[in-house]
Amino acid sequence: MILALRAGRDPNRTAADHHEERAGGSARASSDGAHKNGAVTPPRSTAAGPSGPLAPARAAPSRVTAATGPGQPARSPAGGAQRLVVPAAPRTPELTPPLALVIFGASGDLTSRKILPALANLAERGRLNDGFTVVGVARTPWSDEEFRKVALKDVPEAGERWRRLVERFRYVPGEYAASDTFDRLGEVLSEADREYGGQ
């Protein structure tokens, strides 16, 4: 349901009230407009014209002159109060902290189609720290070098930054339920921390 109220009209008044008001106003206008010589002149308006006291106030447009340098005060044309305008500093890309991203199922389709291309995109945009590396874990019996070759093959359009990142990739083959897999993963993470953790 939509309820619409027109501004300036009392919603509690009936249509008969409005009709009676319009009829009375027309009779008063005819009486006021009669002239003694028979000529009819328009009724005088009781409202002031555009320049009268009822005319809406027109505010002067306010403009602020932009500052031409850092920390320059801006003054309005009318000599109003000063306002300090400090231009925003250009945003620099936020880098990840030095860390090792462990991917379980690194030889799978999801890593090939989604994760590696996304990492390559971040690398090419300069968003990855030089201490960022990836450790892949899966049952496929790959070596570090084989994992790196697959990463480069899955993102063939990537540039030099991606290739430099892939050089830091490590790989741990093994069963997910085997303790030996996680023992080896701990060793690889410790090596990565010693090599890249301080960057």
N, C-alpha and C. Protein backbone atom coordinates (compact mmCIF):
# COMPACT_ATOMS: atom_id res chain seq x y z
N MET A 1 0.85 -1.19 0.00
CA MET A 1 0.00 0.00 0.00
C MET A 1 0.88 1.24 0.00
N ILE A 2 0.53 2.24 -0.81
CA ILE A 2 1.27 3.48 -0.92
C ILE A 2 0.41 4.62 -0.43
N LEU A 3 0.89 5.39 0.51
CA LEU A 3 0.19 6.56 1.04
C LEU A 3 0.95 7.80 0.60
N ALA A 4 0.29 8.64 -0.19
CA ALA A 4 0.93 9.85 -0.72
C ALA A 4 0.26 11.07 -0.13
N LEU A 5 1.01 11.96 0.47
CA LEU A 5 0.52 13.22 1.03
C LEU A 5 1.14 14.37 0.26
N ARG A 6 0.30 15.25 -0.24
CA ARG A 6 0.81 16.40 -0.97
C ARG A 6 1.12 17.51 0.01
N ALA A 7 2.28 18.12 -0.07
CA ALA A 7 2.71 19.14 0.88
C ALA A 7 1.81 20.36 0.78
N GLY A 8 1.41 20.96 1.96
CA GLY A 8 0.61 22.19 1.98
C GLY A 8 -0.87 21.95 2.03
N ARG A 9 -1.34 20.73 2.09
CA ARG A 9 -2.78 20.44 2.13
C ARG A 9 -3.06 19.54 3.32
N ASP A 10 -4.08 19.91 4.12
CA ASP A 10 -4.43 19.17 5.32
C ASP A 10 -5.10 17.86 4.92
N PRO A 11 -4.52 16.73 5.30
CA PRO A 11 -5.11 15.43 4.91
C PRO A 11 -6.42 15.14 5.60
N ASN A 12 -6.78 15.88 6.70
CA ASN A 12 -8.02 15.61 7.43
C ASN A 12 -9.22 16.35 6.84
N ARG A 13 -8.99 17.24 5.91
CA ARG A 13 -10.10 17.98 5.32
C ARG A 13 -10.70 17.17 4.18
N THR A 14 -12.05 17.32 4.03
CA THR A 14 -12.75 16.55 3.01
C THR A 14 -12.74 17.28 1.69
N ALA A 15 -13.19 16.56 0.65
CA ALA A 15 -13.27 17.18 -0.68
C ALA A 15 -14.30 18.30 -0.68
N ALA A 16 -15.36 18.18 0.12
CA ALA A 16 -16.38 19.26 0.18
C ALA A 16 -15.79 20.52 0.76
N ASP A 17 -14.90 20.38 1.75
CA ASP A 17 -14.25 21.56 2.33
C ASP A 17 -13.43 22.29 1.29
N HIS A 18 -12.67 21.56 0.50
CA HIS A 18 -11.86 22.19 -0.54
C HIS A 18 -12.74 22.85 -1.58
N HIS A 19 -13.87 22.21 -1.97
CA HIS A 19 -14.77 22.79 -2.97
C HIS A 19 -15.38 24.08 -2.45
N GLU A 20 -15.78 24.09 -1.18
CA GLU A 20 -16.38 25.31 -0.60
C GLU A 20 -15.35 26.42 -0.55
N GLU A 21 -14.10 26.07 -0.23
CA GLU A 21 -13.06 27.11 -0.15
C GLU A 21 -12.79 27.72 -1.52
N ARG A 22 -12.76 26.87 -2.56
CA ARG A 22 -12.52 27.40 -3.90
C ARG A 22 -13.68 28.28 -4.35
N ALA A 23 -14.95 27.89 -4.03
CA ALA A 23 -16.12 28.70 -4.43
C ALA A 23 -16.10 30.05 -3.73
N GLY A 24 -15.77 30.08 -2.44
CA GLY A 24 -15.71 31.35 -1.72
C GLY A 24 -14.61 32.24 -2.22
N GLY A 25 -13.49 31.64 -2.59
CA GLY A 25 -12.39 32.45 -3.12
C GLY A 25 -12.75 33.07 -4.44
N SER A 26 -13.50 32.35 -5.30
CA SER A 26 -13.89 32.91 -6.60
C SER A 26 -14.86 34.07 -6.41
N ALA A 27 -15.79 33.96 -5.44
CA ALA A 27 -16.74 35.05 -5.22
C ALA A 27 -16.03 36.29 -4.72
N ARG A 28 -15.05 36.12 -3.83
CA ARG A 28 -14.32 37.29 -3.34
C ARG A 28 -13.51 37.93 -4.43
N ALA A 29 -12.95 37.14 -5.32
CA ALA A 29 -12.16 37.71 -6.41
C ALA A 29 -13.04 38.51 -7.35
N SER A 30 -14.29 38.05 -7.65
CA SER A 30 -15.19 38.79 -8.53
C SER A 30 -15.62 40.09 -7.89
N SER A 31 -15.87 40.08 -6.57
CA SER A 31 -16.30 41.30 -5.88
C SER A 31 -15.19 42.32 -5.83
N ASP A 32 -13.96 41.87 -5.55
CA ASP A 32 -12.85 42.81 -5.48
C ASP A 32 -12.50 43.36 -6.84
N GLY A 33 -12.80 42.61 -7.91
CA GLY A 33 -12.40 43.06 -9.23
C GLY A 33 -13.39 44.00 -9.87
N ALA A 34 -14.58 44.22 -9.29
CA ALA A 34 -15.57 45.12 -9.91
C ALA A 34 -15.14 46.57 -9.77
N HIS A 35 -15.29 47.37 -10.84
CA HIS A 35 -14.91 48.79 -10.86
C HIS A 35 -16.17 49.62 -10.97
N LYS A 36 -16.12 50.83 -10.46
CA LYS A 36 -17.32 51.67 -10.47
C LYS A 36 -17.75 52.03 -11.87
N ASN A 37 -16.87 52.01 -12.89
CA ASN A 37 -17.25 52.30 -14.27
C ASN A 37 -17.64 51.05 -15.03
N GLY A 38 -17.70 49.93 -14.33
CA GLY A 38 -18.10 48.71 -15.02
C GLY A 38 -16.92 47.90 -15.51
N ALA A 39 -15.73 48.48 -15.46
CA ALA A 39 -14.55 47.74 -15.93
C ALA A 39 -14.08 46.81 -14.83
N VAL A 40 -13.62 45.69 -15.22
CA VAL A 40 -13.15 44.70 -14.26
C VAL A 40 -11.64 44.64 -14.32
N THR A 41 -11.03 44.82 -13.20
CA THR A 41 -9.57 44.73 -13.12
C THR A 41 -9.19 43.48 -12.34
N PRO A 42 -8.05 42.97 -12.58
CA PRO A 42 -7.63 41.76 -11.86
C PRO A 42 -7.54 42.03 -10.38
N PRO A 43 -7.87 41.08 -9.56
CA PRO A 43 -7.76 41.26 -8.11
C PRO A 43 -6.33 41.47 -7.70
N ARG A 44 -6.17 42.30 -6.69
CA ARG A 44 -4.85 42.60 -6.19
C ARG A 44 -4.33 41.40 -5.39
N SER A 45 -3.13 41.10 -5.64
CA SER A 45 -2.54 39.97 -4.93
C SER A 45 -2.06 40.42 -3.56
N THR A 46 -2.32 39.60 -2.58
CA THR A 46 -1.88 39.93 -1.23
C THR A 46 -0.47 39.45 -0.95
N ALA A 47 0.06 38.66 -1.86
CA ALA A 47 1.42 38.16 -1.65
C ALA A 47 2.41 39.09 -2.31
N ALA A 48 3.55 39.24 -1.70
CA ALA A 48 4.58 40.10 -2.28
C ALA A 48 5.19 39.42 -3.49
N GLY A 49 5.74 40.26 -4.38
CA GLY A 49 6.35 39.75 -5.60
C GLY A 49 7.68 39.11 -5.31
N PRO A 50 8.41 38.77 -6.39
CA PRO A 50 9.69 38.10 -6.20
C PRO A 50 10.66 38.89 -5.36
N SER A 51 10.52 40.27 -5.38
CA SER A 51 11.46 41.07 -4.62
C SER A 51 10.93 41.44 -3.25
N GLY A 52 9.75 40.98 -2.87
CA GLY A 52 9.12 41.35 -1.63
C GLY A 52 9.65 40.55 -0.45
N PRO A 53 9.06 40.78 0.71
CA PRO A 53 9.57 40.10 1.91
C PRO A 53 9.32 38.61 1.92
N LEU A 54 8.36 38.14 1.08
CA LEU A 54 8.09 36.70 1.07
C LEU A 54 8.91 35.94 0.05
N ALA A 55 9.73 36.66 -0.71
CA ALA A 55 10.55 35.99 -1.72
C ALA A 55 11.58 35.11 -1.02
N PRO A 56 11.81 33.89 -1.56
CA PRO A 56 12.80 33.01 -0.92
C PRO A 56 14.19 33.58 -1.03
N ALA A 57 14.93 33.42 0.03
CA ALA A 57 16.30 33.94 0.03
C ALA A 57 17.16 33.09 -0.87
N ARG A 58 17.96 33.73 -1.66
CA ARG A 58 18.85 33.04 -2.59
C ARG A 58 20.26 33.09 -2.02
N ALA A 59 20.74 31.91 -1.69
CA ALA A 59 22.08 31.86 -1.10
C ALA A 59 23.12 32.01 -2.19
N ALA A 60 24.15 32.78 -1.88
CA ALA A 60 25.23 32.97 -2.84
C ALA A 60 26.01 31.68 -2.97
N PRO A 61 26.39 31.29 -4.18
CA PRO A 61 27.15 30.05 -4.35
C PRO A 61 28.48 30.13 -3.65
N SER A 62 28.81 29.07 -2.96
CA SER A 62 30.08 29.05 -2.24
C SER A 62 31.04 28.16 -2.99
N ARG A 63 32.17 28.68 -3.29
CA ARG A 63 33.20 27.93 -3.98
C ARG A 63 34.49 28.05 -3.20
N VAL A 64 35.23 26.98 -3.17
CA VAL A 64 36.51 26.98 -2.49
C VAL A 64 37.59 26.71 -3.50
N THR A 65 38.58 27.56 -3.52
CA THR A 65 39.67 27.40 -4.47
C THR A 65 40.58 26.29 -3.98
N ALA A 66 40.88 25.35 -4.85
CA ALA A 66 41.71 24.22 -4.46
C ALA A 66 43.13 24.68 -4.24
N ALA A 67 43.81 24.01 -3.32
CA ALA A 67 45.20 24.35 -3.06
C ALA A 67 46.07 23.87 -4.19
N THR A 68 47.15 24.61 -4.44
CA THR A 68 48.05 24.25 -5.54
C THR A 68 49.24 23.45 -5.07
N GLY A 69 49.43 23.28 -3.81
CA GLY A 69 50.56 22.52 -3.30
C GLY A 69 50.20 21.86 -2.00
N PRO A 70 51.06 21.00 -1.48
CA PRO A 70 50.75 20.31 -0.23
C PRO A 70 50.69 21.27 0.93
N GLY A 71 49.63 21.16 1.73
CA GLY A 71 49.51 21.98 2.90
C GLY A 71 49.18 23.43 2.62
N GLN A 72 48.65 23.77 1.43
CA GLN A 72 48.32 25.14 1.09
C GLN A 72 46.94 25.50 1.59
N PRO A 73 46.77 26.71 2.22
CA PRO A 73 45.43 27.10 2.66
C PRO A 73 44.56 27.48 1.49
N ALA A 74 43.30 27.06 1.51
CA ALA A 74 42.35 27.41 0.47
C ALA A 74 41.42 28.48 1.02
N ARG A 75 41.19 29.57 0.26
CA ARG A 75 40.36 30.68 0.71
C ARG A 75 39.18 30.81 -0.23
N SER A 76 38.01 31.06 0.34
CA SER A 76 36.83 31.27 -0.48
C SER A 76 36.92 32.61 -1.18
N PRO A 77 36.26 32.79 -2.36
CA PRO A 77 36.35 34.06 -3.10
C PRO A 77 35.87 35.25 -2.29
N ALA A 78 34.95 35.05 -1.35
CA ALA A 78 34.43 36.18 -0.57
C ALA A 78 35.34 36.53 0.60
N GLY A 79 36.49 35.89 0.71
CA GLY A 79 37.40 36.19 1.80
C GLY A 79 37.02 35.54 3.10
N GLY A 80 36.37 34.37 3.03
CA GLY A 80 35.92 33.70 4.24
C GLY A 80 37.06 33.01 4.95
N ALA A 81 36.68 32.10 5.85
CA ALA A 81 37.68 31.41 6.66
C ALA A 81 38.53 30.50 5.79
N GLN A 82 39.79 30.35 6.19
CA GLN A 82 40.69 29.48 5.46
C GLN A 82 40.46 28.03 5.86
N ARG A 83 40.72 27.14 4.92
CA ARG A 83 40.60 25.71 5.16
C ARG A 83 41.82 25.03 4.59
N LEU A 84 42.54 24.30 5.42
CA LEU A 84 43.76 23.65 4.98
C LEU A 84 43.43 22.43 4.13
N VAL A 85 43.96 22.38 2.93
CA VAL A 85 43.73 21.26 2.02
C VAL A 85 45.02 20.48 1.90
N VAL A 86 44.99 19.23 2.34
CA VAL A 86 46.17 18.38 2.27
C VAL A 86 45.89 17.27 1.26
N PRO A 87 46.56 17.27 0.12
CA PRO A 87 46.29 16.23 -0.88
C PRO A 87 46.66 14.85 -0.34
N ALA A 88 45.86 13.87 -0.72
CA ALA A 88 46.10 12.50 -0.27
C ALA A 88 47.37 11.95 -0.90
N ALA A 89 48.15 11.26 -0.09
CA ALA A 89 49.38 10.66 -0.58
C ALA A 89 49.05 9.49 -1.50
N PRO A 90 49.84 9.29 -2.57
CA PRO A 90 49.58 8.16 -3.47
C PRO A 90 49.72 6.84 -2.72
N ARG A 91 48.78 5.95 -2.98
CA ARG A 91 48.79 4.66 -2.31
C ARG A 91 49.82 3.73 -2.92
N THR A 92 50.59 3.09 -2.07
CA THR A 92 51.57 2.13 -2.54
C THR A 92 51.01 0.73 -2.32
N PRO A 93 51.36 -0.22 -3.19
CA PRO A 93 50.83 -1.58 -3.03
C PRO A 93 51.23 -2.17 -1.69
N GLU A 94 50.28 -2.81 -1.03
CA GLU A 94 50.55 -3.46 0.24
C GLU A 94 51.19 -4.83 -0.02
N LEU A 95 52.32 -5.08 0.64
CA LEU A 95 53.03 -6.33 0.46
C LEU A 95 52.63 -7.32 1.54
N THR A 96 52.67 -8.57 1.18
CA THR A 96 52.48 -9.60 2.19
C THR A 96 53.73 -9.65 3.07
N PRO A 97 53.61 -10.08 4.30
CA PRO A 97 54.81 -10.29 5.11
C PRO A 97 55.57 -11.50 4.60
N PRO A 98 56.81 -11.67 5.00
CA PRO A 98 57.53 -12.89 4.63
C PRO A 98 56.81 -14.11 5.21
N LEU A 99 56.40 -15.01 4.36
CA LEU A 99 55.68 -16.19 4.84
C LEU A 99 55.79 -17.33 3.83
N ALA A 100 55.45 -18.52 4.31
CA ALA A 100 55.41 -19.71 3.45
C ALA A 100 53.97 -20.17 3.36
N LEU A 101 53.47 -20.25 2.14
CA LEU A 101 52.11 -20.72 1.90
C LEU A 101 52.17 -22.21 1.60
N VAL A 102 51.52 -23.01 2.44
CA VAL A 102 51.50 -24.46 2.25
C VAL A 102 50.22 -24.83 1.52
N ILE A 103 50.36 -25.51 0.38
CA ILE A 103 49.22 -25.93 -0.42
C ILE A 103 49.11 -27.44 -0.34
N PHE A 104 48.09 -27.94 0.35
CA PHE A 104 47.83 -29.37 0.38
C PHE A 104 47.01 -29.73 -0.86
N GLY A 105 47.46 -30.74 -1.57
CA GLY A 105 46.85 -31.08 -2.85
C GLY A 105 47.45 -30.25 -3.97
N ALA A 106 48.74 -29.97 -3.87
CA ALA A 106 49.41 -29.07 -4.81
C ALA A 106 49.47 -29.60 -6.22
N SER A 107 49.29 -30.91 -6.39
CA SER A 107 49.34 -31.47 -7.74
C SER A 107 47.96 -31.57 -8.37
N GLY A 108 46.94 -31.06 -7.70
CA GLY A 108 45.58 -31.21 -8.18
C GLY A 108 45.14 -30.13 -9.14
N ASP A 109 43.92 -30.30 -9.65
CA ASP A 109 43.38 -29.40 -10.67
C ASP A 109 43.07 -28.02 -10.12
N LEU A 110 42.60 -27.94 -8.88
CA LEU A 110 42.27 -26.65 -8.28
C LEU A 110 43.51 -25.76 -8.16
N THR A 111 44.62 -26.36 -7.77
CA THR A 111 45.87 -25.59 -7.69
C THR A 111 46.30 -25.10 -9.06
N SER A 112 46.17 -25.97 -10.05
CA SER A 112 46.60 -25.63 -11.41
C SER A 112 45.75 -24.52 -12.02
N ARG A 113 44.42 -24.56 -11.82
CA ARG A 113 43.53 -23.63 -12.50
C ARG A 113 43.26 -22.35 -11.72
N LYS A 114 43.35 -22.41 -10.37
CA LYS A 114 42.95 -21.26 -9.55
C LYS A 114 44.08 -20.66 -8.73
N ILE A 115 44.72 -21.49 -7.92
CA ILE A 115 45.66 -20.95 -6.94
C ILE A 115 46.92 -20.40 -7.60
N LEU A 116 47.53 -21.17 -8.45
CA LEU A 116 48.78 -20.70 -9.09
C LEU A 116 48.55 -19.47 -9.97
N PRO A 117 47.51 -19.41 -10.82
CA PRO A 117 47.28 -18.17 -11.57
C PRO A 117 47.03 -16.96 -10.67
N ALA A 118 46.33 -17.16 -9.54
CA ALA A 118 46.10 -16.04 -8.63
C ALA A 118 47.41 -15.56 -8.01
N LEU A 119 48.27 -16.49 -7.61
CA LEU A 119 49.57 -16.10 -7.07
C LEU A 119 50.43 -15.40 -8.11
N ALA A 120 50.36 -15.86 -9.34
CA ALA A 120 51.12 -15.21 -10.40
C ALA A 120 50.64 -13.79 -10.62
N ASN A 121 49.34 -13.58 -10.54
CA ASN A 121 48.79 -12.23 -10.69
C ASN A 121 49.30 -11.31 -9.58
N LEU A 122 49.31 -11.79 -8.36
CA LEU A 122 49.82 -10.98 -7.25
C LEU A 122 51.31 -10.69 -7.41
N ALA A 123 52.04 -11.69 -7.87
CA ALA A 123 53.48 -11.49 -8.06
C ALA A 123 53.76 -10.44 -9.12
N GLU A 124 53.06 -10.50 -10.25
CA GLU A 124 53.29 -9.55 -11.32
C GLU A 124 52.88 -8.13 -10.94
N ARG A 125 51.96 -7.99 -9.98
CA ARG A 125 51.53 -6.67 -9.51
C ARG A 125 52.40 -6.17 -8.37
N GLY A 126 53.44 -6.92 -8.00
CA GLY A 126 54.34 -6.49 -6.95
C GLY A 126 53.76 -6.56 -5.56
N ARG A 127 52.82 -7.47 -5.31
CA ARG A 127 52.15 -7.55 -4.01
C ARG A 127 52.76 -8.60 -3.10
N LEU A 128 53.72 -9.38 -3.58
CA LEU A 128 54.30 -10.45 -2.77
C LEU A 128 55.70 -10.07 -2.33
N ASN A 129 55.96 -10.23 -1.06
CA ASN A 129 57.26 -9.95 -0.47
C ASN A 129 58.32 -10.89 -1.03
N ASP A 130 59.57 -10.44 -1.01
CA ASP A 130 60.66 -11.31 -1.48
C ASP A 130 60.85 -12.51 -0.57
N GLY A 131 60.29 -12.44 0.64
CA GLY A 131 60.36 -13.58 1.54
C GLY A 131 59.16 -14.51 1.44
N PHE A 132 58.31 -14.29 0.45
CA PHE A 132 57.14 -15.15 0.25
C PHE A 132 57.55 -16.38 -0.55
N THR A 133 57.11 -17.55 -0.11
CA THR A 133 57.38 -18.77 -0.84
C THR A 133 56.20 -19.72 -0.71
N VAL A 134 56.20 -20.77 -1.50
CA VAL A 134 55.13 -21.76 -1.52
C VAL A 134 55.73 -23.14 -1.29
N VAL A 135 55.06 -23.90 -0.44
CA VAL A 135 55.44 -25.30 -0.21
C VAL A 135 54.24 -26.16 -0.59
N GLY A 136 54.40 -26.98 -1.60
CA GLY A 136 53.33 -27.86 -2.04
C GLY A 136 53.42 -29.22 -1.37
N VAL A 137 52.26 -29.77 -1.03
CA VAL A 137 52.19 -31.10 -0.42
C VAL A 137 51.14 -31.90 -1.17
N ALA A 138 51.51 -33.12 -1.61
CA ALA A 138 50.56 -33.98 -2.31
C ALA A 138 51.13 -35.39 -2.38
N ARG A 139 50.28 -36.32 -2.83
CA ARG A 139 50.74 -37.70 -2.94
C ARG A 139 51.57 -37.94 -4.20
N THR A 140 51.45 -37.07 -5.18
CA THR A 140 52.21 -37.24 -6.43
C THR A 140 53.71 -37.17 -6.12
N PRO A 141 54.49 -38.14 -6.57
CA PRO A 141 55.93 -38.17 -6.24
C PRO A 141 56.75 -37.20 -7.08
N TRP A 142 56.59 -35.91 -6.83
CA TRP A 142 57.37 -34.89 -7.52
C TRP A 142 58.56 -34.47 -6.67
N SER A 143 59.52 -33.89 -7.37
CA SER A 143 60.63 -33.21 -6.70
C SER A 143 60.35 -31.71 -6.69
N ASP A 144 61.21 -30.94 -6.05
CA ASP A 144 61.06 -29.48 -6.06
C ASP A 144 61.07 -28.96 -7.50
N GLU A 145 62.00 -29.46 -8.29
CA GLU A 145 62.14 -28.97 -9.66
C GLU A 145 60.93 -29.32 -10.51
N GLU A 146 60.36 -30.49 -10.32
CA GLU A 146 59.18 -30.86 -11.10
C GLU A 146 57.98 -29.99 -10.72
N PHE A 147 57.85 -29.69 -9.46
CA PHE A 147 56.77 -28.80 -9.02
C PHE A 147 56.94 -27.41 -9.63
N ARG A 148 58.15 -26.92 -9.70
CA ARG A 148 58.40 -25.61 -10.28
C ARG A 148 58.09 -25.59 -11.78
N LYS A 149 58.44 -26.66 -12.48
CA LYS A 149 58.14 -26.71 -13.92
C LYS A 149 56.64 -26.70 -14.16
N VAL A 150 55.88 -27.43 -13.32
CA VAL A 150 54.43 -27.44 -13.47
C VAL A 150 53.86 -26.05 -13.20
N ALA A 151 54.38 -25.35 -12.20
CA ALA A 151 53.90 -24.00 -11.87
C ALA A 151 54.12 -23.04 -13.03
N LEU A 152 55.27 -23.13 -13.69
CA LEU A 152 55.53 -22.26 -14.85
C LEU A 152 54.65 -22.64 -16.03
N LYS A 153 54.41 -23.94 -16.21
CA LYS A 153 53.59 -24.38 -17.34
C LYS A 153 52.13 -23.98 -17.16
N ASP A 154 51.64 -23.97 -15.90
CA ASP A 154 50.24 -23.64 -15.66
C ASP A 154 49.94 -22.16 -15.85
N VAL A 155 50.95 -21.31 -15.79
CA VAL A 155 50.75 -19.86 -15.99
C VAL A 155 51.76 -19.40 -17.05
N PRO A 156 51.56 -19.77 -18.30
CA PRO A 156 52.58 -19.47 -19.33
C PRO A 156 52.71 -17.99 -19.65
N GLU A 157 51.65 -17.19 -19.38
CA GLU A 157 51.71 -15.77 -19.74
C GLU A 157 52.36 -14.91 -18.66
N ALA A 158 52.73 -15.51 -17.53
CA ALA A 158 53.33 -14.74 -16.43
C ALA A 158 54.72 -14.27 -16.82
N GLY A 159 55.17 -13.23 -16.10
CA GLY A 159 56.45 -12.61 -16.43
C GLY A 159 57.58 -13.01 -15.51
N GLU A 160 58.58 -12.11 -15.45
CA GLU A 160 59.80 -12.40 -14.73
C GLU A 160 59.58 -12.51 -13.22
N ARG A 161 58.70 -11.69 -12.67
CA ARG A 161 58.47 -11.75 -11.23
C ARG A 161 57.93 -13.11 -10.81
N TRP A 162 57.06 -13.68 -11.59
CA TRP A 162 56.53 -15.00 -11.29
C TRP A 162 57.62 -16.06 -11.37
N ARG A 163 58.48 -15.96 -12.36
CA ARG A 163 59.56 -16.94 -12.50
C ARG A 163 60.52 -16.87 -11.31
N ARG A 164 60.79 -15.65 -10.83
CA ARG A 164 61.67 -15.52 -9.66
C ARG A 164 61.02 -16.12 -8.42
N LEU A 165 59.69 -15.95 -8.29
CA LEU A 165 58.99 -16.53 -7.15
C LEU A 165 58.99 -18.05 -7.23
N VAL A 166 58.77 -18.61 -8.40
CA VAL A 166 58.71 -20.07 -8.55
C VAL A 166 60.05 -20.71 -8.19
N GLU A 167 61.13 -19.98 -8.36
CA GLU A 167 62.44 -20.53 -8.00
C GLU A 167 62.55 -20.84 -6.51
N ARG A 168 61.68 -20.25 -5.69
CA ARG A 168 61.70 -20.50 -4.24
C ARG A 168 60.71 -21.59 -3.83
N PHE A 169 59.95 -22.14 -4.76
CA PHE A 169 58.95 -23.15 -4.44
C PHE A 169 59.62 -24.42 -3.93
N ARG A 170 58.96 -25.08 -2.96
CA ARG A 170 59.40 -26.37 -2.47
C ARG A 170 58.24 -27.34 -2.54
N TYR A 171 58.57 -28.65 -2.50
CA TYR A 171 57.52 -29.66 -2.62
C TYR A 171 57.82 -30.82 -1.68
N VAL A 172 56.75 -31.31 -1.02
CA VAL A 172 56.86 -32.44 -0.10
C VAL A 172 55.88 -33.52 -0.55
N PRO A 173 56.36 -34.65 -1.07
CA PRO A 173 55.45 -35.74 -1.44
C PRO A 173 55.16 -36.62 -0.24
N GLY A 174 53.95 -37.20 -0.21
CA GLY A 174 53.63 -38.12 0.88
C GLY A 174 52.14 -38.19 1.13
N GLU A 175 51.77 -39.17 1.93
CA GLU A 175 50.38 -39.37 2.32
C GLU A 175 50.01 -38.36 3.42
N TYR A 176 48.78 -37.89 3.37
CA TYR A 176 48.35 -36.88 4.33
C TYR A 176 48.21 -37.44 5.74
N ALA A 177 47.97 -38.72 5.87
CA ALA A 177 47.82 -39.32 7.19
C ALA A 177 49.13 -39.85 7.76
N ALA A 178 50.23 -39.73 7.00
CA ALA A 178 51.51 -40.28 7.45
C ALA A 178 52.29 -39.22 8.23
N SER A 179 52.82 -39.60 9.37
CA SER A 179 53.59 -38.65 10.18
C SER A 179 54.88 -38.24 9.48
N ASP A 180 55.45 -39.14 8.68
CA ASP A 180 56.68 -38.81 7.97
C ASP A 180 56.48 -37.60 7.05
N THR A 181 55.28 -37.49 6.45
CA THR A 181 55.00 -36.36 5.56
C THR A 181 55.11 -35.04 6.32
N PHE A 182 54.56 -34.99 7.52
CA PHE A 182 54.57 -33.74 8.28
C PHE A 182 55.93 -33.49 8.93
N ASP A 183 56.67 -34.55 9.20
CA ASP A 183 58.04 -34.35 9.69
C ASP A 183 58.87 -33.67 8.60
N ARG A 184 58.73 -34.16 7.38
CA ARG A 184 59.47 -33.56 6.27
C ARG A 184 58.98 -32.14 6.01
N LEU A 185 57.67 -31.91 6.12
CA LEU A 185 57.12 -30.56 5.92
C LEU A 185 57.70 -29.60 6.96
N GLY A 186 57.83 -30.05 8.19
CA GLY A 186 58.43 -29.19 9.22
C GLY A 186 59.87 -28.83 8.89
N GLU A 187 60.61 -29.78 8.35
CA GLU A 187 62.00 -29.49 7.98
C GLU A 187 62.06 -28.47 6.85
N VAL A 188 61.19 -28.62 5.84
CA VAL A 188 61.20 -27.69 4.72
C VAL A 188 60.80 -26.29 5.17
N LEU A 189 59.84 -26.20 6.06
CA LEU A 189 59.42 -24.89 6.56
C LEU A 189 60.53 -24.23 7.37
N SER A 190 61.26 -25.01 8.13
CA SER A 190 62.38 -24.45 8.89
C SER A 190 63.45 -23.93 7.95
N GLU A 191 63.72 -24.66 6.87
CA GLU A 191 64.70 -24.20 5.88
C GLU A 191 64.24 -22.90 5.21
N ALA A 192 62.95 -22.83 4.88
CA ALA A 192 62.43 -21.61 4.25
C ALA A 192 62.48 -20.43 5.21
N ASP A 193 62.24 -20.69 6.49
CA ASP A 193 62.29 -19.60 7.47
C ASP A 193 63.71 -19.07 7.61
N ARG A 194 64.67 -19.96 7.61
CA ARG A 194 66.07 -19.51 7.70
C ARG A 194 66.51 -18.76 6.46
N GLU A 195 66.02 -19.17 5.31
CA GLU A 195 66.47 -18.57 4.05
C GLU A 195 65.73 -17.31 3.70
N TYR A 196 64.43 -17.26 3.97
CA TYR A 196 63.64 -16.12 3.52
C TYR A 196 62.97 -15.33 4.65
N GLY A 197 63.04 -15.84 5.89
CA GLY A 197 62.30 -15.20 6.97
C GLY A 197 62.78 -13.81 7.31
N GLY A 198 64.03 -13.49 7.05
CA GLY A 198 64.54 -12.16 7.41
C GLY A 198 64.36 -11.12 6.34
N GLN A 199 63.71 -11.43 5.22
CA GLN A 199 63.59 -10.48 4.13
C GLN A 199 62.33 -9.62 4.29
